[in-house]
Structure formats: C-alpha cells, structure tokens
Amino acid sequence: MANLKKFLESNRDLEYVDILIPDLCNIFRGKRLPIADLNKLFVGEFQIPSSIMLLDITGEGSDPGGRGFSDGDPDVCVWPIKDTLVRIPWSDEPIGQVLGSLWELDGSPCSVDPRQVLNSVWQALVTDGLFPTVAFELEFYLVDADYPKTKQLRPPVLPGSKDRLHDTQVYSIRELEEISGFLGTVSKACVQQGIPLGAASAEYASGQYEINLHHTTDVLVAADQAMLMQRAVRAIAKKFDTLATFMAKPYKDSAGNGGHVHFGLQDESGLNIFDDGTERGTSLMRHAIGGLMHTLPEAMAFFAPNANSYRRFAPDMYVPVTPSWGYNNRSVALRVPGGDQSSRRIEHRVPGADVNPYLALAAIMAGVHYGIRNRIDPGPPSEGDEKRRAGLAFPATWELAFERLADAKVLPNYFGSDYVRLYRMTKEFEHNRFLREINPLELDWYLSPG
C-alpha cells in the first residue's frame, strides 16, 4: 500500500488504470478502473470471472469442461503483481497500468491462470534445490499499417522517408539505424516499465527484428516482461505508422518469428550446475536435455499454439524440424551455445514468438525437471545440418499436437491434468472454428476448376 500511495502522489493527473491479466492466447484481459477505485485492487476487492482464461484467440468461449456457462461463471479475485504499477509510457492520455494474477476466493491459486501454472512448475524445481535462470529472445515483423484496409501484407515505409523496406540484410546496422527512432522509443518505454532490454538486431527478412530480454532468476518476472515488451512494441509501432506482429509465420517464403528461450540452472549456492569446466557440460545438463527431448512431442501444443505456428517449421529457415540437440548448432531444437562455460545454458529454439511465455516456460521447466529426476539420456549431439538426418520429427501439425497432448504422460503431472485438458479443449474449439472458415484460396482453387 505504501507503493500505491507513492505512485498516486507522483501521478496526480491519472484518471484511470488498466488492469492487465494475460490470458491463454497472450491477450490482455481485464478492466479499466477509475483512479478513485484503484485501492480496491490492492485490498482484494476486485473480482473477475476465471472463464476469461479459457477464451480462444477471437475471444469466444466454449464452456470447456463446464467452465463458463455451465458453472454459473463464478468470479475469482485479482491481486496486483508487485512492481508492475506504472504510467503507460506511450499513452497520450493520463492512464496507468498494472499486471494482475488470479486467485480463488479462498486464497488458493486459480488453476486456469497461466501465471499460476508457471509458478507451480517453478516451485517443483525449487523444492529440489534447482534454481532456473531464463531469458527470452523475441522476433517480430514491422508491416504496413494499411494492411487492415488493403489486406496486402508488405514491409512498411520507413519513418521519415518515402522508402519502403525491401532488403534482407541480417544483422544489418543500417536497418537498425533506419528504425532507430522506433527502437529508442521502445527501449525508453521498457525502462519506464522496469524491463531491461538486451541487444536488438535485424533478422533474416525485410522488416524483421529481434529484441533480447535480460536473463533473470525470477521466471514469473521473465514471462511478465516478455508480455509487457510485446505490448510496448505493438503500441509504439502504431505511433510510427506501422504495425508490429509476433505472428509465427506472416510471410509464406520468409523466415518465421522465433521466441527462443535461454535456460540455465543453479544450485542453492548459485553455482551453474550445467558447467563442469569443459565444453561438454555436466551430466545434469544432458539429463535436462534428455527430458526436454522426451517431453517435446506433448509440449508442442504449447510451443506452437495455433494454426499458423506450424508453418514456421521449414528447412533452411534456421528452425528445428526434429527433436535434436547439439553444441553451437542452430539447426537443432536444443542448442548449447558456445562461449563462456560459466554461463553454460540450453537454448530452446522450438517456440515461436506467438507462444504464451508463461506456458512455454512451464513446459520447458517441466521437461528439465523430469529429465534430471529420471536421468534421461538424450543420445549423442547432432553435428552439421540436423534436417538432413533421418529420424523422428516432432508433431508437424496442430492436429498431431492435440493428439500428443491428449496422450501426455508427463506434463499433466506438472501443469495439472485439469489444466492440460481445458487448454486442449479451448484450442480444439479454436481449431474447429478456423477450419469452418472458407478462405480465398479455397474459392480460387475449387469454385470453378479447369
């Protein structure tokens, strides 16, 4: 309450505060509170139906497992997340924002809140003396702001010029200079929200960029920051007359957007338990990789959460297509980066930028924990181009991912079997709605063939 009082004293002109609750599909749900009512949030008097956590990408509910219409749509309590109450940096109006998490009215965690799912998996590791260090790398495209009208997807006209982006110059400094105003505004907005950003780079397609977040030992904060950074990028892009998308595969023939996760592990004394002073790393690291490979098929529905996600997995796009691992090899699913051995870690390259960061981290930590506990051998590391090796591929379609999740043996023990079932039901509802739509290509091909 002291922080709330200080915030209000420093922002006397504020009229409203947006309560931001990240849902299953990475959409912020919540309400806009008049500043006079903000105190209710901080004393446990702000409630909302938990069914908002089980909506599809369009906001439609399917009453999964009887959650929604059938149970009377009961409320749960929203509590604010520490240190997330800030003034919205890009808003032209005097508005604040704060992240919220869901709790049952009896004070227990709300089991359908992705943030609570992540916390439960995190505590399983902490109980065993395992302390993760994580960081996200998120890619996105800037596209023409007129897409909603023209339905023509193309790179934007550069701010302050008449030139449209057209080059594919990976790691181009010139491209970064051309959007330096945008990147600088994003950086300032993130600093104002307590989000420390790392390197930014131009990526493998025109108008594609990557922003790295700093590593942190608080996995909830890591996911919070990933969500808030994406919100800032999207909002500020509009200020520069462009649109930002974290969609996994916006362009058919260009690189997709990755949402890579770097994962390290420490013991209670802070020592990196993946590092043994050699390039090979510890047996615990290999067991962790073994667990990630073992759980990858049933985790694909979380790493690739929608119909477009699976278009990203294609050869020669620096995207893994097999459950594989290797040292300093970008063709594998689980890469052990080179460099300083004291920072030995695993880079999970399967998730796209469209993942729910809470659920992606939960799936990764569950795989790591399962692998270490069961001493799973990942087999030999891959060398060279992994796609050219024959072997078992992970689920390549949304339908196959649903099948693997329905038969999951490991993740339900970490996420809770009810949550895995409700997640699958919600996403299957979205999948079925998607398939019912008739797209323009379908009409072009089949309306009058020959």
Protein backbone atom coordinates (compact mmCIF):
# COMPACT_ATOMS: atom_id res chain seq x y z
CA MET A 1 0.00 0.00 0.00
CA ALA A 2 2.96 2.30 0.56
CA ASN A 3 3.98 1.85 -3.09
CA LEU A 4 0.44 2.62 -4.19
CA LYS A 5 0.38 5.82 -2.15
CA LYS A 6 3.74 6.88 -3.59
CA PHE A 7 2.57 6.14 -7.13
CA LEU A 8 -0.62 8.15 -6.72
CA GLU A 9 1.26 11.10 -5.24
CA SER A 10 3.65 11.09 -8.22
CA ASN A 11 0.86 10.79 -10.79
CA ARG A 12 -1.88 13.06 -9.54
CA ASP A 13 -3.23 13.65 -13.05
CA LEU A 14 -4.04 9.99 -13.70
CA GLU A 15 -7.68 9.29 -14.44
CA TYR A 16 -7.66 5.51 -14.96
CA VAL A 17 -5.54 2.41 -14.50
CA ASP A 18 -5.78 -0.60 -16.82
CA ILE A 19 -5.74 -3.96 -15.02
CA LEU A 20 -3.84 -6.33 -17.34
CA ILE A 21 -4.40 -10.07 -16.98
CA PRO A 22 -2.59 -12.19 -19.63
CA ASP A 23 -4.82 -14.97 -20.93
CA LEU A 24 -4.13 -18.32 -22.58
CA CYS A 25 -3.72 -16.71 -26.04
CA ASN A 26 -1.44 -13.82 -24.97
CA ILE A 27 -4.27 -11.32 -24.95
CA PHE A 28 -4.52 -8.96 -22.02
CA ARG A 29 -7.95 -9.24 -20.41
CA GLY A 30 -9.10 -7.07 -17.54
CA LYS A 31 -10.80 -3.76 -16.82
CA ARG A 32 -10.09 -0.04 -16.77
CA LEU A 33 -10.51 1.25 -13.22
CA PRO A 34 -11.16 4.87 -12.31
CA ILE A 35 -8.28 6.05 -10.19
CA ALA A 36 -10.62 6.52 -7.22
CA ASP A 37 -11.35 2.77 -7.25
CA LEU A 38 -7.77 1.56 -7.61
CA ASN A 39 -7.48 0.88 -3.89
CA LYS A 40 -9.96 -1.99 -4.29
CA LEU A 41 -7.40 -3.95 -6.31
CA PHE A 42 -4.83 -3.69 -3.54
CA VAL A 43 -7.15 -4.88 -0.77
CA GLY A 44 -8.60 -7.90 -2.58
CA GLU A 45 -11.95 -6.38 -3.53
CA PHE A 46 -11.51 -6.59 -7.33
CA GLN A 47 -13.06 -9.68 -8.92
CA ILE A 48 -13.46 -11.08 -12.43
CA PRO A 49 -14.72 -14.40 -13.88
CA SER A 50 -11.97 -17.00 -14.27
CA SER A 51 -13.52 -18.08 -17.60
CA ILE A 52 -11.62 -15.23 -19.28
CA MET A 53 -8.58 -17.51 -19.06
CA LEU A 54 -10.27 -20.07 -21.32
CA LEU A 55 -11.17 -18.00 -24.38
CA ASP A 56 -9.90 -18.66 -27.90
CA ILE A 57 -7.87 -16.20 -29.98
CA THR A 58 -11.03 -14.32 -31.05
CA GLY A 59 -12.41 -14.07 -27.50
CA GLU A 60 -15.01 -16.81 -27.93
CA GLY A 61 -15.72 -19.15 -25.03
CA SER A 62 -16.65 -22.81 -25.47
CA ASP A 63 -17.62 -23.73 -21.91
CA PRO A 64 -14.67 -26.16 -21.73
CA GLY A 65 -15.13 -28.75 -19.03
CA GLY A 66 -18.23 -26.88 -17.90
CA ARG A 67 -16.18 -23.76 -17.10
CA GLY A 68 -18.23 -20.71 -18.14
CA PHE A 69 -21.93 -21.12 -18.84
CA SER A 70 -22.43 -24.42 -17.02
CA ASP A 71 -20.98 -23.45 -13.64
CA GLY A 72 -22.55 -20.01 -13.48
CA ASP A 73 -19.33 -18.24 -14.49
CA PRO A 74 -18.06 -17.58 -10.95
CA ASP A 75 -15.68 -14.77 -10.06
CA VAL A 76 -12.19 -15.04 -8.68
CA CYS A 77 -10.06 -12.39 -7.01
CA VAL A 78 -7.46 -10.31 -8.86
CA TRP A 79 -4.35 -9.28 -6.99
CA PRO A 80 -1.75 -6.85 -8.44
CA ILE A 81 1.72 -8.09 -9.40
CA LYS A 82 4.46 -6.40 -7.41
CA ASP A 83 6.35 -3.56 -9.12
CA THR A 84 4.17 -3.51 -12.26
CA LEU A 85 2.08 -0.42 -11.46
CA VAL A 86 3.34 2.26 -13.85
CA ARG A 87 2.13 5.07 -16.03
CA ILE A 88 1.62 3.88 -19.61
CA PRO A 89 4.67 5.43 -21.31
CA TRP A 90 3.21 5.76 -24.83
CA SER A 91 -0.31 6.87 -23.95
CA ASP A 92 -1.43 10.38 -24.87
CA GLU A 93 -3.95 10.16 -22.05
CA PRO A 94 -3.17 10.08 -18.30
CA ILE A 95 -3.59 6.32 -17.79
CA GLY A 96 -1.66 3.78 -15.73
CA GLN A 97 -1.36 0.01 -15.97
CA VAL A 98 -0.74 -2.87 -13.61
CA LEU A 99 -0.43 -6.61 -14.11
CA GLY A 100 -2.79 -8.86 -12.21
CA SER A 101 -2.95 -12.53 -11.31
CA LEU A 102 -5.97 -14.65 -10.37
CA TRP A 103 -6.68 -16.26 -7.00
CA GLU A 104 -9.69 -18.21 -5.81
CA LEU A 105 -11.87 -16.53 -3.22
CA ASP A 106 -10.47 -18.89 -0.56
CA GLY A 107 -6.96 -17.57 -1.25
CA SER A 108 -5.68 -20.54 -3.27
CA PRO A 109 -4.08 -20.04 -6.71
CA CYS A 110 -6.51 -20.01 -9.64
CA SER A 111 -5.62 -23.16 -11.60
CA VAL A 112 -6.54 -21.73 -15.02
CA ASP A 113 -4.29 -18.66 -14.76
CA PRO A 114 -1.17 -19.38 -16.90
CA ARG A 115 0.96 -17.40 -14.44
CA GLN A 116 -0.16 -19.69 -11.61
CA VAL A 117 0.57 -22.76 -13.77
CA LEU A 118 4.12 -21.50 -14.29
CA ASN A 119 4.57 -20.79 -10.60
CA SER A 120 3.51 -24.31 -9.63
CA VAL A 121 6.09 -25.85 -12.00
CA TRP A 122 8.77 -23.44 -10.77
CA GLN A 123 8.17 -24.48 -7.18
CA ALA A 124 8.70 -28.14 -8.11
CA LEU A 125 12.25 -27.25 -9.20
CA VAL A 126 12.92 -25.01 -6.20
CA THR A 127 11.82 -27.79 -3.84
CA ASP A 128 14.57 -29.98 -5.32
CA GLY A 129 17.19 -27.25 -4.95
CA LEU A 130 17.13 -26.28 -8.64
CA PHE A 131 17.01 -22.56 -9.46
CA PRO A 132 16.43 -21.54 -13.09
CA THR A 133 17.87 -18.55 -14.91
CA VAL A 134 15.90 -17.68 -18.04
CA ALA A 135 15.75 -15.14 -20.86
CA PHE A 136 13.57 -14.65 -23.93
CA GLU A 137 14.62 -13.68 -27.45
CA LEU A 138 11.60 -12.47 -29.41
CA GLU A 139 11.43 -11.79 -33.14
CA PHE A 140 8.78 -9.66 -34.83
CA TYR A 141 7.95 -8.03 -38.14
CA LEU A 142 7.05 -4.44 -38.86
CA VAL A 143 4.44 -4.37 -41.62
CA ASP A 144 2.48 -1.74 -43.48
CA ALA A 145 -0.13 -0.02 -41.32
CA ASP A 146 -2.64 -0.15 -44.17
CA TYR A 147 -2.95 -3.94 -44.03
CA PRO A 148 -6.37 -3.91 -42.29
CA LYS A 149 -7.75 -1.97 -45.28
CA THR A 150 -5.77 -3.39 -48.22
CA LYS A 151 -5.18 -6.95 -46.92
CA GLN A 152 -1.79 -6.64 -48.64
CA LEU A 153 0.99 -7.70 -46.29
CA ARG A 154 4.27 -5.93 -47.02
CA PRO A 155 7.15 -4.19 -45.23
CA PRO A 156 6.43 -0.63 -44.09
CA VAL A 157 7.56 2.67 -45.45
CA LEU A 158 10.43 3.82 -43.27
CA PRO A 159 9.56 6.53 -40.74
CA GLY A 160 10.56 9.96 -42.02
CA SER A 161 11.11 8.80 -45.60
CA LYS A 162 9.29 7.57 -48.70
CA ASP A 163 11.34 4.39 -48.93
CA ARG A 164 9.82 1.01 -48.28
CA LEU A 165 11.95 -1.62 -46.59
CA HIS A 166 12.96 -4.22 -49.16
CA ASP A 167 16.38 -5.66 -48.27
CA THR A 168 17.11 -8.86 -46.35
CA GLN A 169 20.29 -7.87 -44.56
CA VAL A 170 20.67 -10.00 -41.46
CA TYR A 171 22.42 -8.16 -38.61
CA SER A 172 22.40 -5.01 -40.75
CA ILE A 173 23.37 -1.94 -38.71
CA ARG A 174 21.96 0.29 -41.43
CA GLU A 175 18.50 -1.24 -40.99
CA LEU A 176 18.70 -0.63 -37.26
CA GLU A 177 19.74 2.96 -37.88
CA GLU A 178 16.75 3.45 -40.16
CA ILE A 179 14.35 2.47 -37.36
CA SER A 180 16.43 3.89 -34.52
CA GLY A 181 13.63 6.26 -33.52
CA PHE A 182 11.24 3.34 -33.11
CA LEU A 183 13.75 1.16 -31.24
CA GLY A 184 14.76 4.04 -29.00
CA THR A 185 11.15 4.74 -28.06
CA VAL A 186 10.59 1.05 -27.31
CA SER A 187 13.70 0.97 -25.14
CA LYS A 188 12.62 4.03 -23.14
CA ALA A 189 9.13 2.64 -22.66
CA CYS A 190 10.53 -0.65 -21.41
CA VAL A 191 12.88 1.07 -18.99
CA GLN A 192 9.90 3.00 -17.60
CA GLN A 193 8.16 -0.35 -17.02
CA GLY A 194 11.20 -1.89 -15.35
CA ILE A 195 12.04 -4.11 -18.33
CA PRO A 196 15.78 -4.24 -19.09
CA LEU A 197 16.38 -4.91 -22.78
CA GLY A 198 19.46 -6.51 -24.29
CA ALA A 199 20.63 -6.48 -27.90
CA ALA A 200 18.44 -5.68 -30.90
CA SER A 201 19.16 -6.96 -34.39
CA ALA A 202 17.80 -7.02 -37.93
CA GLU A 203 16.90 -10.59 -38.81
CA TYR A 204 16.57 -12.82 -41.87
CA ALA A 205 13.78 -11.00 -43.70
CA SER A 206 12.83 -7.50 -44.70
CA GLY A 207 11.24 -5.71 -41.77
CA GLN A 208 12.08 -8.47 -39.27
CA TYR A 209 13.82 -7.68 -35.99
CA GLU A 210 14.74 -9.32 -32.71
CA ILE A 211 14.88 -7.88 -29.21
CA ASN A 212 16.52 -9.79 -26.37
CA LEU A 213 15.44 -9.56 -22.77
CA HIS A 214 17.94 -9.78 -19.92
CA HIS A 215 18.21 -13.08 -18.08
CA THR A 216 16.59 -13.29 -14.66
CA THR A 217 16.28 -15.81 -11.85
CA ASP A 218 12.60 -14.95 -11.37
CA VAL A 219 10.76 -16.94 -14.05
CA LEU A 220 7.46 -15.14 -13.39
CA VAL A 221 9.14 -11.79 -14.00
CA ALA A 222 10.71 -13.17 -17.20
CA ALA A 223 7.29 -14.07 -18.58
CA ASP A 224 5.74 -10.81 -17.34
CA GLN A 225 8.45 -8.82 -19.11
CA ALA A 226 8.01 -10.78 -22.35
CA MET A 227 4.30 -9.95 -22.35
CA LEU A 228 4.83 -6.28 -21.50
CA MET A 229 7.61 -5.85 -24.06
CA GLN A 230 5.36 -7.19 -26.83
CA ARG A 231 2.60 -4.83 -25.72
CA ALA A 232 5.02 -1.90 -25.89
CA VAL A 233 6.34 -2.89 -29.35
CA ARG A 234 2.83 -3.15 -30.78
CA ALA A 235 1.63 0.13 -29.27
CA ILE A 236 4.71 2.13 -30.26
CA ALA A 237 4.71 0.72 -33.79
CA LYS A 238 1.32 2.36 -34.28
CA LYS A 239 2.85 5.68 -33.22
CA PHE A 240 5.30 5.23 -36.12
CA ASP A 241 2.52 4.45 -38.61
CA THR A 242 3.32 0.77 -38.85
CA LEU A 243 2.10 -2.48 -37.35
CA ALA A 244 4.19 -4.94 -35.33
CA THR A 245 3.37 -8.64 -35.40
CA PHE A 246 4.74 -11.56 -33.39
CA MET A 247 2.80 -13.99 -35.59
CA ALA A 248 4.92 -17.10 -36.17
CA LYS A 249 4.85 -17.02 -39.99
CA PRO A 250 3.43 -13.85 -41.58
CA TYR A 251 5.09 -14.40 -44.99
CA LYS A 252 4.97 -17.72 -46.82
CA ASP A 253 8.52 -17.58 -48.20
CA SER A 254 10.31 -15.62 -45.48
CA ALA A 255 11.69 -16.52 -42.08
CA GLY A 256 9.26 -17.01 -39.22
CA ASN A 257 9.33 -15.28 -35.85
CA GLY A 258 11.05 -17.29 -33.14
CA GLY A 259 10.52 -16.99 -29.41
CA HIS A 260 13.70 -18.70 -28.22
CA VAL A 261 14.22 -19.33 -24.52
CA HIS A 262 17.63 -19.50 -22.85
CA PHE A 263 17.59 -21.68 -19.77
CA GLY A 264 20.29 -22.16 -17.14
CA LEU A 265 20.17 -23.86 -13.76
CA GLN A 266 21.89 -23.10 -10.46
CA ASP A 267 22.14 -24.84 -7.13
CA GLU A 268 21.38 -23.24 -3.76
CA SER A 269 24.84 -21.67 -3.61
CA GLY A 270 24.43 -20.03 -7.03
CA LEU A 271 26.74 -22.39 -8.93
CA ASN A 272 25.83 -23.22 -12.53
CA ILE A 273 25.07 -26.94 -12.40
CA PHE A 274 25.35 -27.24 -16.21
CA ASP A 275 29.03 -26.23 -16.10
CA ASP A 276 31.81 -28.69 -15.27
CA GLY A 277 34.65 -26.60 -16.67
CA THR A 278 34.62 -28.39 -20.03
CA GLU A 279 32.92 -27.71 -23.33
CA ARG A 280 30.85 -30.87 -22.84
CA GLY A 281 28.95 -29.68 -19.75
CA THR A 282 27.66 -31.77 -16.87
CA SER A 283 25.66 -34.97 -16.92
CA LEU A 284 22.83 -32.98 -15.29
CA MET A 285 22.74 -30.73 -18.35
CA ARG A 286 22.47 -33.74 -20.64
CA HIS A 287 19.73 -35.23 -18.45
CA ALA A 288 17.87 -31.91 -18.69
CA ILE A 289 18.20 -32.04 -22.47
CA GLY A 290 17.01 -35.64 -22.41
CA GLY A 291 13.89 -34.60 -20.52
CA LEU A 292 13.22 -31.76 -22.95
CA MET A 293 13.50 -34.12 -25.90
CA HIS A 294 11.29 -36.69 -24.19
CA THR A 295 8.52 -34.16 -23.47
CA LEU A 296 8.81 -32.19 -26.72
CA PRO A 297 6.03 -34.05 -28.59
CA GLU A 298 3.46 -33.47 -25.85
CA ALA A 299 4.63 -29.88 -25.34
CA MET A 300 4.23 -28.86 -28.99
CA ALA A 301 0.66 -27.66 -28.43
CA PHE A 302 2.16 -25.05 -26.07
CA PHE A 303 5.24 -24.21 -28.17
CA ALA A 304 3.16 -23.88 -31.37
CA PRO A 305 -0.27 -22.75 -30.13
CA ASN A 306 -2.22 -22.00 -33.32
CA ALA A 307 -2.78 -22.90 -36.97
CA ASN A 308 -0.13 -20.52 -38.27
CA SER A 309 2.54 -21.69 -35.80
CA TYR A 310 3.30 -24.87 -37.74
CA ARG A 311 4.08 -23.02 -40.97
CA ARG A 312 7.27 -21.76 -39.31
CA PHE A 313 8.88 -25.22 -39.25
CA ALA A 314 10.59 -25.47 -42.62
CA PRO A 315 14.08 -26.47 -43.79
CA ASP A 316 16.78 -23.83 -44.31
CA MET A 317 14.98 -21.25 -42.16
CA TYR A 318 17.09 -21.70 -39.00
CA VAL A 319 14.15 -23.50 -37.44
CA PRO A 320 14.42 -27.01 -35.94
CA VAL A 321 12.39 -29.77 -37.56
CA THR A 322 13.44 -32.73 -35.37
CA PRO A 323 13.75 -33.37 -31.61
CA SER A 324 17.51 -32.89 -31.55
CA TRP A 325 20.31 -31.25 -29.61
CA GLY A 326 23.86 -30.09 -30.23
CA TYR A 327 26.67 -27.73 -29.35
CA ASN A 328 26.68 -24.31 -31.05
CA ASN A 329 24.36 -25.61 -33.79
CA ARG A 330 21.37 -23.54 -34.92
CA SER A 331 19.72 -26.38 -36.84
CA VAL A 332 18.82 -28.30 -33.67
CA ALA A 333 15.86 -27.93 -31.32
CA LEU A 334 18.00 -27.67 -28.19
CA ARG A 335 21.22 -25.73 -28.69
CA VAL A 336 24.04 -25.46 -26.18
CA PRO A 337 25.57 -22.08 -27.08
CA GLY A 338 29.32 -21.64 -27.18
CA GLY A 339 31.23 -19.05 -25.22
CA ASP A 340 31.95 -18.67 -21.53
CA GLN A 341 31.50 -22.06 -19.89
CA SER A 342 30.46 -20.48 -16.59
CA SER A 343 27.27 -19.31 -18.34
CA ARG A 344 26.55 -22.76 -19.80
CA ARG A 345 22.89 -22.97 -20.72
CA ILE A 346 20.36 -24.51 -23.11
CA GLU A 347 18.68 -22.51 -25.85
CA HIS A 348 15.24 -23.92 -26.67
CA ARG A 349 14.67 -23.00 -30.32
CA VAL A 350 11.27 -24.60 -30.90
CA PRO A 351 8.87 -21.94 -29.53
CA GLY A 352 7.66 -19.24 -31.88
CA ALA A 353 7.15 -15.63 -30.89
CA ASP A 354 3.42 -16.38 -30.65
CA VAL A 355 3.84 -18.61 -27.58
CA ASN A 356 2.30 -17.84 -24.24
CA PRO A 357 5.53 -17.11 -22.30
CA TYR A 358 4.14 -18.49 -19.03
CA LEU A 359 3.12 -21.81 -20.56
CA ALA A 360 6.25 -22.12 -22.70
CA LEU A 361 8.47 -21.65 -19.64
CA ALA A 362 6.33 -24.08 -17.66
CA ALA A 363 6.71 -26.75 -20.36
CA ILE A 364 10.48 -26.20 -20.55
CA MET A 365 10.95 -26.39 -16.79
CA ALA A 366 8.76 -29.50 -16.57
CA GLY A 367 10.92 -31.20 -19.20
CA VAL A 368 14.14 -30.20 -17.45
CA HIS A 369 12.91 -31.40 -14.07
CA TYR A 370 11.60 -34.68 -15.46
CA GLY A 371 14.86 -35.34 -17.29
CA ILE A 372 17.04 -34.68 -14.25
CA ARG A 373 14.87 -36.73 -11.92
CA ASN A 374 14.80 -39.69 -14.31
CA ARG A 375 18.38 -39.31 -15.61
CA ILE A 376 17.24 -39.39 -19.23
CA ASP A 377 20.00 -39.83 -21.80
CA PRO A 378 19.49 -37.50 -24.81
CA GLY A 379 21.75 -39.57 -27.05
CA PRO A 380 24.71 -38.13 -28.97
CA PRO A 381 24.67 -34.48 -30.04
CA SER A 382 23.91 -33.63 -33.65
CA GLU A 383 26.61 -32.19 -35.85
CA GLY A 384 26.08 -30.28 -39.05
CA ASP A 385 22.65 -29.74 -40.58
CA GLU A 386 20.21 -31.70 -38.44
CA LYS A 387 17.40 -31.62 -41.01
CA ARG A 388 19.43 -33.86 -43.33
CA ARG A 389 19.43 -36.67 -40.79
CA ALA A 390 16.68 -39.24 -40.91
CA GLY A 391 14.75 -39.51 -37.68
CA LEU A 392 11.54 -38.92 -35.81
CA ALA A 393 10.07 -35.45 -36.32
CA PHE A 394 8.03 -33.72 -33.67
CA PRO A 395 4.32 -33.06 -34.38
CA ALA A 396 4.20 -31.01 -37.58
CA THR A 397 0.52 -30.09 -37.49
CA TRP A 398 -1.88 -28.66 -34.95
CA GLU A 399 -3.97 -31.83 -35.11
CA LEU A 400 -1.00 -34.07 -34.28
CA ALA A 401 -0.06 -31.77 -31.41
CA PHE A 402 -3.56 -32.18 -29.96
CA GLU A 403 -3.20 -35.97 -30.20
CA ARG A 404 0.14 -35.92 -28.40
CA LEU A 405 -1.22 -33.62 -25.70
CA ALA A 406 -4.27 -35.86 -25.22
CA ASP A 407 -1.89 -38.79 -24.61
CA ALA A 408 0.54 -36.78 -22.47
CA LYS A 409 2.11 -38.65 -19.59
CA VAL A 410 4.46 -36.02 -18.12
CA LEU A 411 3.05 -32.51 -18.44
CA PRO A 412 -0.26 -33.25 -16.66
CA ASN A 413 1.77 -34.07 -13.54
CA TYR A 414 3.26 -30.57 -13.62
CA PHE A 415 0.51 -28.38 -15.12
CA GLY A 416 -2.35 -30.27 -13.52
CA SER A 417 -4.36 -32.73 -15.57
CA ASP A 418 -7.42 -30.45 -15.49
CA TYR A 419 -5.49 -27.52 -16.97
CA VAL A 420 -3.99 -29.63 -19.77
CA ARG A 421 -7.48 -30.91 -20.62
CA LEU A 422 -9.05 -27.43 -20.52
CA TYR A 423 -6.25 -25.95 -22.61
CA ARG A 424 -6.65 -28.66 -25.24
CA MET A 425 -10.44 -28.24 -25.32
CA THR A 426 -10.13 -24.46 -25.75
CA LYS A 427 -7.60 -24.78 -28.54
CA GLU A 428 -9.54 -27.56 -30.29
CA PHE A 429 -12.56 -25.25 -30.26
CA GLU A 430 -10.43 -22.55 -31.90
CA HIS A 431 -9.08 -25.10 -34.41
CA ASN A 432 -12.58 -26.23 -35.40
CA ARG A 433 -13.78 -22.66 -35.85
CA PHE A 434 -10.72 -21.97 -38.02
CA LEU A 435 -11.45 -24.96 -40.25
CA ARG A 436 -15.07 -23.91 -40.75
CA GLU A 437 -14.00 -20.71 -42.49
CA ILE A 438 -13.71 -20.72 -46.30
CA ASN A 439 -10.60 -18.81 -47.36
CA PRO A 440 -9.97 -17.02 -50.69
CA LEU A 441 -7.51 -19.64 -51.94
CA GLU A 442 -10.11 -22.34 -51.42
CA LEU A 443 -12.52 -20.44 -53.66
CA ASP A 444 -9.81 -19.77 -56.26
CA TRP A 445 -8.89 -23.45 -56.49
CA TYR A 446 -12.22 -25.21 -56.16
CA LEU A 447 -15.05 -22.85 -57.16
CA SER A 448 -14.66 -23.46 -60.89
CA PRO A 449 -11.63 -25.64 -61.68
CA GLY A 450 -10.42 -26.34 -65.19
